[in-house]
Amino acid sequence: MPPFTANATPAAKLITCIVPAGEGFDLATVLHETMQLAAVDLTRGRGASQRSGTFADEMDIVTVVVDAARADDVFAFVYEQVGIATRPNRFMFQMALEGASEYRLPAAAESQAGT
């Protein structure tokens, strides 16, 4: 069996943003529509914070894979969009990836999505 091959993006970064439950969908939508990003994922988890005194609060976790060249711009966009500096219970970070697969919607799917 041949090895798995894909259009690998060698210099990619993973941006992760954790926000209160219910806010992740809006962020994922804005990233897709405004920044034209297709590799946006949304999941939900629970956690605890000694600093804020919360335990088992449900949070949305939004992750997005971007080219390293765009990472700082996307990071700054998310930072402002969710109010990291001004609103509580938000956290984000980015990290380098060794590689990532590039995902694009087919042209037919993009035109149908716009109608």
N, C-alpha and C. Protein backbone atom coordinates (compact mmCIF):
# COMPACT_ATOMS: atom_id res chain seq x y z
N MET A 1 0.85 -1.17 0.00
CA MET A 1 0.00 0.00 0.00
C MET A 1 0.89 1.24 0.00
N PRO A 2 0.64 2.21 -0.90
CA PRO A 2 1.48 3.41 -0.93
C PRO A 2 1.26 4.25 0.33
N PRO A 3 2.28 5.00 0.74
CA PRO A 3 2.12 5.87 1.92
C PRO A 3 1.10 6.95 1.64
N PHE A 4 0.48 7.41 2.70
CA PHE A 4 -0.50 8.51 2.59
C PHE A 4 0.21 9.76 2.09
N THR A 5 -0.36 10.36 1.07
CA THR A 5 0.19 11.61 0.57
C THR A 5 -0.92 12.64 0.52
N ALA A 6 -0.58 13.86 0.78
CA ALA A 6 -1.54 14.96 0.75
C ALA A 6 -0.78 16.21 0.40
N ASN A 7 -1.50 17.25 0.10
CA ASN A 7 -0.86 18.55 -0.13
C ASN A 7 -0.45 19.10 1.22
N ALA A 8 0.72 18.73 1.66
CA ALA A 8 1.18 19.13 2.99
C ALA A 8 1.62 20.58 2.99
N THR A 9 1.26 21.27 4.04
CA THR A 9 1.70 22.63 4.26
C THR A 9 2.82 22.55 5.29
N PRO A 10 4.08 22.64 4.87
CA PRO A 10 5.18 22.39 5.80
C PRO A 10 5.29 23.41 6.92
N ALA A 11 4.96 24.64 6.68
CA ALA A 11 5.05 25.67 7.72
C ALA A 11 3.64 26.09 8.10
N ALA A 12 3.06 25.36 9.03
CA ALA A 12 1.70 25.65 9.46
C ALA A 12 1.67 25.85 10.96
N LYS A 13 0.66 26.55 11.43
CA LYS A 13 0.47 26.75 12.87
C LYS A 13 -0.96 26.40 13.23
N LEU A 14 -1.12 25.93 14.45
CA LEU A 14 -2.43 25.62 15.01
C LEU A 14 -2.75 26.69 16.03
N ILE A 15 -3.85 27.40 15.81
CA ILE A 15 -4.32 28.41 16.75
C ILE A 15 -5.50 27.80 17.50
N THR A 16 -5.44 27.85 18.81
CA THR A 16 -6.50 27.30 19.66
C THR A 16 -7.05 28.43 20.53
N CYS A 17 -8.38 28.52 20.55
CA CYS A 17 -9.04 29.55 21.35
C CYS A 17 -10.13 28.88 22.18
N ILE A 18 -10.12 29.14 23.48
CA ILE A 18 -11.10 28.58 24.40
C ILE A 18 -11.98 29.72 24.90
N VAL A 19 -13.29 29.57 24.68
CA VAL A 19 -14.26 30.61 25.04
C VAL A 19 -15.44 29.97 25.76
N PRO A 20 -16.25 30.75 26.46
CA PRO A 20 -17.42 30.18 27.12
C PRO A 20 -18.35 29.46 26.13
N ALA A 21 -19.01 28.43 26.61
CA ALA A 21 -19.92 27.63 25.78
C ALA A 21 -20.93 28.54 25.08
N GLY A 22 -21.13 28.27 23.80
CA GLY A 22 -22.07 29.04 23.02
C GLY A 22 -21.44 30.13 22.17
N GLU A 23 -20.18 30.48 22.44
CA GLU A 23 -19.52 31.54 21.69
C GLU A 23 -18.61 31.01 20.57
N GLY A 24 -18.30 29.74 20.60
CA GLY A 24 -17.38 29.17 19.62
C GLY A 24 -17.93 29.12 18.21
N PHE A 25 -19.23 28.84 18.07
CA PHE A 25 -19.81 28.76 16.73
C PHE A 25 -19.69 30.08 15.99
N ASP A 26 -19.97 31.18 16.69
CA ASP A 26 -19.86 32.50 16.05
C ASP A 26 -18.42 32.78 15.62
N LEU A 27 -17.46 32.41 16.45
CA LEU A 27 -16.05 32.62 16.10
C LEU A 27 -15.68 31.77 14.89
N ALA A 28 -16.08 30.51 14.88
CA ALA A 28 -15.78 29.64 13.75
C ALA A 28 -16.39 30.18 12.46
N THR A 29 -17.60 30.69 12.55
CA THR A 29 -18.28 31.26 11.37
C THR A 29 -17.54 32.49 10.87
N VAL A 30 -17.14 33.37 11.76
CA VAL A 30 -16.42 34.59 11.37
C VAL A 30 -15.08 34.23 10.74
N LEU A 31 -14.38 33.26 11.29
CA LEU A 31 -13.09 32.84 10.72
C LEU A 31 -13.27 32.30 9.31
N HIS A 32 -14.33 31.54 9.10
CA HIS A 32 -14.58 31.00 7.77
C HIS A 32 -14.98 32.10 6.79
N GLU A 33 -15.89 32.95 7.20
CA GLU A 33 -16.41 33.96 6.28
C GLU A 33 -15.47 35.15 6.07
N THR A 34 -14.86 35.63 7.12
CA THR A 34 -14.01 36.82 7.03
C THR A 34 -12.58 36.51 6.61
N MET A 35 -12.01 35.47 7.19
CA MET A 35 -10.62 35.13 6.91
C MET A 35 -10.48 34.05 5.83
N GLN A 36 -11.61 33.54 5.33
CA GLN A 36 -11.61 32.52 4.28
C GLN A 36 -10.84 31.26 4.70
N LEU A 37 -11.06 30.81 5.92
CA LEU A 37 -10.37 29.62 6.43
C LEU A 37 -11.31 28.43 6.43
N ALA A 38 -10.85 27.32 5.85
CA ALA A 38 -11.68 26.12 5.77
C ALA A 38 -11.36 25.13 6.89
N ALA A 39 -10.17 25.18 7.45
CA ALA A 39 -9.75 24.21 8.46
C ALA A 39 -10.03 24.72 9.87
N VAL A 40 -11.31 25.02 10.14
CA VAL A 40 -11.74 25.51 11.45
C VAL A 40 -12.56 24.40 12.11
N ASP A 41 -12.21 24.05 13.32
CA ASP A 41 -12.93 23.01 14.06
C ASP A 41 -13.48 23.58 15.35
N LEU A 42 -14.61 23.05 15.76
CA LEU A 42 -15.26 23.47 17.01
C LEU A 42 -15.59 22.23 17.81
N THR A 43 -15.22 22.24 19.07
CA THR A 43 -15.57 21.16 19.98
C THR A 43 -15.87 21.76 21.34
N ARG A 44 -16.27 20.96 22.26
CA ARG A 44 -16.63 21.46 23.59
C ARG A 44 -15.98 20.59 24.64
N GLY A 45 -15.57 21.20 25.73
CA GLY A 45 -14.95 20.46 26.83
C GLY A 45 -15.26 21.12 28.16
N ARG A 46 -14.80 20.49 29.20
CA ARG A 46 -14.99 21.03 30.55
C ARG A 46 -13.62 21.20 31.19
N GLY A 47 -13.52 22.17 32.07
CA GLY A 47 -12.25 22.40 32.73
C GLY A 47 -12.44 23.10 34.05
N ALA A 48 -11.34 23.36 34.70
CA ALA A 48 -11.35 24.03 35.99
C ALA A 48 -10.30 25.12 35.99
N SER A 49 -10.55 26.16 36.76
CA SER A 49 -9.60 27.25 36.89
C SER A 49 -9.53 27.67 38.34
N GLN A 50 -8.36 27.52 38.91
CA GLN A 50 -8.18 27.97 40.29
C GLN A 50 -8.24 29.48 40.35
N ARG A 51 -7.73 30.14 39.31
CA ARG A 51 -7.70 31.61 39.28
C ARG A 51 -9.10 32.21 39.32
N SER A 52 -10.03 31.66 38.51
CA SER A 52 -11.38 32.22 38.47
C SER A 52 -12.35 31.47 39.38
N GLY A 53 -11.88 30.39 39.99
CA GLY A 53 -12.73 29.65 40.91
C GLY A 53 -13.81 28.82 40.24
N THR A 54 -13.62 28.49 38.97
CA THR A 54 -14.62 27.69 38.27
C THR A 54 -14.20 26.23 38.26
N PHE A 55 -15.20 25.36 38.22
CA PHE A 55 -14.94 23.93 38.14
C PHE A 55 -15.97 23.29 37.23
N ALA A 56 -15.53 22.55 36.25
CA ALA A 56 -16.37 21.80 35.32
C ALA A 56 -17.27 22.69 34.48
N ASP A 57 -16.85 23.92 34.24
CA ASP A 57 -17.61 24.78 33.34
C ASP A 57 -17.39 24.32 31.91
N GLU A 58 -18.46 24.30 31.14
CA GLU A 58 -18.36 23.90 29.75
C GLU A 58 -17.81 25.05 28.92
N MET A 59 -16.86 24.74 28.04
CA MET A 59 -16.21 25.74 27.21
C MET A 59 -16.20 25.25 25.76
N ASP A 60 -16.23 26.20 24.82
CA ASP A 60 -16.06 25.89 23.41
C ASP A 60 -14.57 26.00 23.09
N ILE A 61 -14.09 25.06 22.28
CA ILE A 61 -12.69 25.06 21.88
C ILE A 61 -12.67 25.16 20.36
N VAL A 62 -12.14 26.27 19.85
CA VAL A 62 -12.05 26.50 18.41
C VAL A 62 -10.59 26.36 18.01
N THR A 63 -10.33 25.51 17.02
CA THR A 63 -8.98 25.36 16.50
C THR A 63 -9.00 25.65 15.01
N VAL A 64 -7.91 26.23 14.55
CA VAL A 64 -7.77 26.55 13.13
C VAL A 64 -6.32 26.35 12.72
N VAL A 65 -6.13 25.69 11.60
CA VAL A 65 -4.80 25.49 11.02
C VAL A 65 -4.60 26.54 9.95
N VAL A 66 -3.49 27.28 10.06
CA VAL A 66 -3.19 28.33 9.09
C VAL A 66 -1.73 28.23 8.65
N ASP A 67 -1.45 28.78 7.46
CA ASP A 67 -0.06 28.89 7.02
C ASP A 67 0.68 29.77 8.02
N ALA A 68 1.93 29.46 8.26
CA ALA A 68 2.72 30.23 9.21
C ALA A 68 2.77 31.71 8.82
N ALA A 69 2.75 31.99 7.53
CA ALA A 69 2.82 33.38 7.06
C ALA A 69 1.59 34.19 7.49
N ARG A 70 0.45 33.54 7.66
CA ARG A 70 -0.79 34.23 8.06
C ARG A 70 -1.08 34.12 9.55
N ALA A 71 -0.33 33.31 10.26
CA ALA A 71 -0.66 32.96 11.65
C ALA A 71 -0.78 34.18 12.56
N ASP A 72 0.16 35.10 12.49
CA ASP A 72 0.11 36.26 13.38
C ASP A 72 -1.10 37.15 13.08
N ASP A 73 -1.46 37.29 11.82
CA ASP A 73 -2.63 38.09 11.46
C ASP A 73 -3.92 37.43 11.95
N VAL A 74 -4.02 36.13 11.76
CA VAL A 74 -5.22 35.41 12.22
C VAL A 74 -5.28 35.42 13.74
N PHE A 75 -4.14 35.23 14.40
CA PHE A 75 -4.09 35.27 15.86
C PHE A 75 -4.58 36.62 16.37
N ALA A 76 -4.09 37.70 15.79
CA ALA A 76 -4.51 39.05 16.20
C ALA A 76 -5.99 39.26 15.95
N PHE A 77 -6.50 38.75 14.84
CA PHE A 77 -7.92 38.86 14.53
C PHE A 77 -8.77 38.15 15.59
N VAL A 78 -8.39 36.93 15.93
CA VAL A 78 -9.13 36.17 16.95
C VAL A 78 -9.03 36.86 18.30
N TYR A 79 -7.85 37.33 18.64
CA TYR A 79 -7.62 38.03 19.91
C TYR A 79 -8.61 39.19 20.08
N GLU A 80 -8.74 39.99 19.04
CA GLU A 80 -9.67 41.12 19.08
C GLU A 80 -11.13 40.67 19.02
N GLN A 81 -11.41 39.68 18.19
CA GLN A 81 -12.78 39.21 17.97
C GLN A 81 -13.42 38.70 19.26
N VAL A 82 -12.66 37.95 20.06
CA VAL A 82 -13.24 37.37 21.27
C VAL A 82 -12.97 38.19 22.53
N GLY A 83 -12.19 39.25 22.41
CA GLY A 83 -11.95 40.13 23.56
C GLY A 83 -11.09 39.49 24.64
N ILE A 84 -10.00 38.86 24.22
CA ILE A 84 -9.11 38.18 25.17
C ILE A 84 -8.68 39.11 26.30
N ALA A 85 -8.33 40.35 25.98
CA ALA A 85 -7.80 41.28 26.99
C ALA A 85 -8.87 41.89 27.87
N THR A 86 -10.12 41.89 27.41
CA THR A 86 -11.14 42.64 28.12
C THR A 86 -12.27 41.81 28.71
N ARG A 87 -12.40 40.56 28.30
CA ARG A 87 -13.51 39.73 28.77
C ARG A 87 -12.96 38.50 29.49
N PRO A 88 -13.59 38.09 30.59
CA PRO A 88 -13.07 36.95 31.35
C PRO A 88 -13.35 35.60 30.67
N ASN A 89 -12.69 34.58 31.16
CA ASN A 89 -12.91 33.19 30.75
C ASN A 89 -12.60 32.94 29.27
N ARG A 90 -11.53 33.54 28.77
CA ARG A 90 -11.07 33.32 27.42
C ARG A 90 -9.56 33.07 27.45
N PHE A 91 -9.13 32.18 26.58
CA PHE A 91 -7.71 31.81 26.55
C PHE A 91 -7.37 31.38 25.14
N MET A 92 -6.19 31.72 24.67
CA MET A 92 -5.78 31.28 23.34
C MET A 92 -4.28 31.12 23.26
N PHE A 93 -3.85 30.30 22.31
CA PHE A 93 -2.43 30.10 22.07
C PHE A 93 -2.25 29.57 20.66
N GLN A 94 -1.02 29.63 20.17
CA GLN A 94 -0.70 29.04 18.88
C GLN A 94 0.58 28.24 19.00
N MET A 95 0.69 27.25 18.14
CA MET A 95 1.88 26.41 18.15
C MET A 95 2.21 25.97 16.73
N ALA A 96 3.47 25.73 16.50
CA ALA A 96 3.92 25.29 15.18
C ALA A 96 3.55 23.82 14.97
N LEU A 97 3.21 23.50 13.74
CA LEU A 97 2.95 22.12 13.34
C LEU A 97 4.05 21.68 12.39
N GLU A 98 4.40 20.41 12.42
CA GLU A 98 5.40 19.91 11.49
C GLU A 98 4.84 19.87 10.07
N GLY A 99 3.56 19.72 9.95
CA GLY A 99 2.90 19.70 8.65
C GLY A 99 1.41 19.59 8.85
N ALA A 100 0.66 19.95 7.85
CA ALA A 100 -0.79 19.87 7.92
C ALA A 100 -1.34 19.70 6.53
N SER A 101 -2.45 19.01 6.41
CA SER A 101 -3.10 18.84 5.11
C SER A 101 -3.89 20.09 4.79
N GLU A 102 -3.88 20.46 3.54
CA GLU A 102 -4.62 21.65 3.10
C GLU A 102 -5.99 21.21 2.61
N TYR A 103 -7.02 21.85 3.11
CA TYR A 103 -8.39 21.53 2.73
C TYR A 103 -9.01 22.70 1.98
N ARG A 104 -9.63 22.39 0.88
CA ARG A 104 -10.34 23.40 0.10
C ARG A 104 -11.65 22.82 -0.36
N LEU A 105 -12.68 23.65 -0.36
CA LEU A 105 -13.96 23.22 -0.89
C LEU A 105 -13.89 23.21 -2.40
N PRO A 106 -14.50 22.23 -3.05
CA PRO A 106 -14.55 22.26 -4.52
C PRO A 106 -15.31 23.49 -4.99
N ALA A 107 -15.00 23.98 -6.17
CA ALA A 107 -15.64 25.18 -6.71
C ALA A 107 -17.16 25.03 -6.73
N ALA A 108 -17.68 23.85 -7.08
CA ALA A 108 -19.13 23.63 -7.14
C ALA A 108 -19.76 23.79 -5.75
N ALA A 109 -19.10 23.28 -4.72
CA ALA A 109 -19.62 23.38 -3.35
C ALA A 109 -19.62 24.84 -2.90
N GLU A 110 -18.58 25.61 -3.26
CA GLU A 110 -18.51 27.01 -2.87
C GLU A 110 -19.64 27.82 -3.52
N SER A 111 -19.93 27.54 -4.79
CA SER A 111 -20.98 28.30 -5.47
C SER A 111 -22.35 27.93 -4.92
N GLN A 112 -22.57 26.67 -4.54
CA GLN A 112 -23.84 26.26 -3.96
C GLN A 112 -24.01 26.83 -2.57
N ALA A 113 -22.91 26.94 -1.80
CA ALA A 113 -22.99 27.48 -0.45
C ALA A 113 -23.39 28.95 -0.48
N GLY A 114 -23.03 29.67 -1.53
CA GLY A 114 -23.34 31.09 -1.62
C GLY A 114 -24.75 31.39 -2.08
N THR A 115 -25.50 30.37 -2.52
CA THR A 115 -26.87 30.60 -3.00
C THR A 115 -27.88 30.33 -1.95
